[in-house]
Amino acid sequence: MTLHEDNRVFCEKTELFSDAFYGTITKIYEHSALVKVEPDQLSKKETDKIDSFGDLVVIRMSELQLVDAAGKPLKEPAEELEAAE
């Protein structure tokens, strides 16, 4: 899946969080993304884990699903490949 900065994503529960949440990608790394968690998405106990980072978490790309504004999954956009010369 190709994700980009400013994409809205959904994350199922992970090792770090037991609740699923929505967020927006702020930075892309090789195999993960820095995600700004949307307000009120996590329980208070789990929010305490990320308060010092301003609601930012690093999540593996494989755990993220691209979604639209309504939270519905989007199909992976077809990327145009350049022909080799």
Protein backbone atom coordinates (compact mmCIF):
# COMPACT_ATOMS: atom_id res chain seq x y z
CA MET A 1 0.00 0.00 0.00
CA THR A 2 1.30 3.43 -0.84
CA LEU A 3 0.57 5.97 1.84
CA HIS A 4 1.47 9.64 1.77
CA GLU A 5 1.61 12.56 4.18
CA ASP A 6 -1.83 14.02 5.01
CA ASN A 7 -3.61 10.71 4.24
CA ARG A 8 -6.34 9.80 6.74
CA VAL A 9 -5.78 6.30 8.08
CA PHE A 10 -7.40 3.75 10.35
CA CYS A 11 -5.41 1.51 12.68
CA GLU A 12 -6.78 -1.65 14.29
CA LYS A 13 -5.59 -2.40 17.81
CA THR A 14 -1.82 -2.82 18.01
CA GLU A 15 0.73 -3.92 20.58
CA LEU A 16 0.78 -0.36 21.90
CA PHE A 17 -2.97 0.39 21.79
CA SER A 18 -5.86 -1.94 22.57
CA ASP A 19 -8.37 0.34 20.81
CA ALA A 20 -8.62 1.05 17.09
CA PHE A 21 -8.23 4.69 16.05
CA TYR A 22 -8.22 7.16 13.15
CA GLY A 23 -5.43 9.60 12.44
CA THR A 24 -3.56 11.56 9.80
CA ILE A 25 -0.09 10.74 8.53
CA THR A 26 2.39 13.52 9.25
CA LYS A 27 5.63 11.83 8.15
CA ILE A 28 6.54 8.69 6.22
CA TYR A 29 9.46 6.44 7.12
CA GLU A 30 10.74 3.33 5.35
CA HIS A 31 8.34 0.83 6.98
CA SER A 32 6.26 3.01 9.28
CA ALA A 33 4.48 6.34 9.53
CA LEU A 34 4.16 9.07 12.13
CA VAL A 35 0.42 9.43 12.75
CA LYS A 36 -1.41 12.28 14.50
CA VAL A 37 -4.21 10.56 16.40
CA GLU A 38 -7.62 12.24 16.07
CA PRO A 39 -8.99 13.66 19.34
CA ASP A 40 -11.11 11.37 21.54
CA GLN A 41 -10.04 8.22 19.65
CA LEU A 42 -8.24 6.50 22.52
CA SER A 43 -9.12 5.83 26.14
CA LYS A 44 -7.58 8.12 28.78
CA LYS A 45 -5.21 5.35 29.90
CA GLU A 46 -3.81 4.99 26.41
CA THR A 47 -3.80 8.71 25.70
CA ASP A 48 -1.40 9.09 28.64
CA LYS A 49 1.10 6.99 26.66
CA ILE A 50 1.27 9.58 23.87
CA ASP A 51 0.60 12.90 25.64
CA SER A 52 4.29 13.74 25.76
CA PHE A 53 4.46 13.38 21.97
CA GLY A 54 1.49 15.64 21.19
CA ASP A 55 -0.80 12.76 20.13
CA LEU A 56 1.78 11.50 17.60
CA VAL A 57 2.54 7.79 17.31
CA VAL A 58 4.75 5.74 15.02
CA ILE A 59 2.81 2.85 13.47
CA ARG A 60 3.95 0.16 11.04
CA MET A 61 2.59 0.73 7.52
CA SER A 62 1.22 -2.82 7.53
CA GLU A 63 -1.10 -1.84 10.41
CA LEU A 64 -2.61 1.19 8.62
CA GLN A 65 -5.63 1.28 6.30
CA LEU A 66 -6.23 4.27 4.01
CA VAL A 67 -9.75 5.68 4.63
CA ASP A 68 -11.91 8.54 3.41
CA ALA A 69 -13.38 11.36 5.53
CA ALA A 70 -16.30 9.11 6.54
CA GLY A 71 -13.92 6.37 7.69
CA LYS A 72 -14.66 3.99 4.81
CA PRO A 73 -11.66 2.05 3.43
CA LEU A 74 -10.31 3.29 0.12
CA LYS A 75 -8.90 1.09 -2.58
CA GLU A 76 -5.21 1.51 -3.18
CA PRO A 77 -4.76 4.10 -5.91
CA ALA A 78 -3.27 2.74 -9.09
CA GLU A 79 0.19 4.16 -9.53
CA GLU A 80 1.48 4.86 -12.97
CA LEU A 81 4.70 3.03 -13.69
CA GLU A 82 7.21 4.48 -16.08
CA ALA A 83 8.37 2.17 -18.85
CA ALA A 84 12.01 1.24 -18.85
CA GLU A 85 13.95 2.52 -21.83
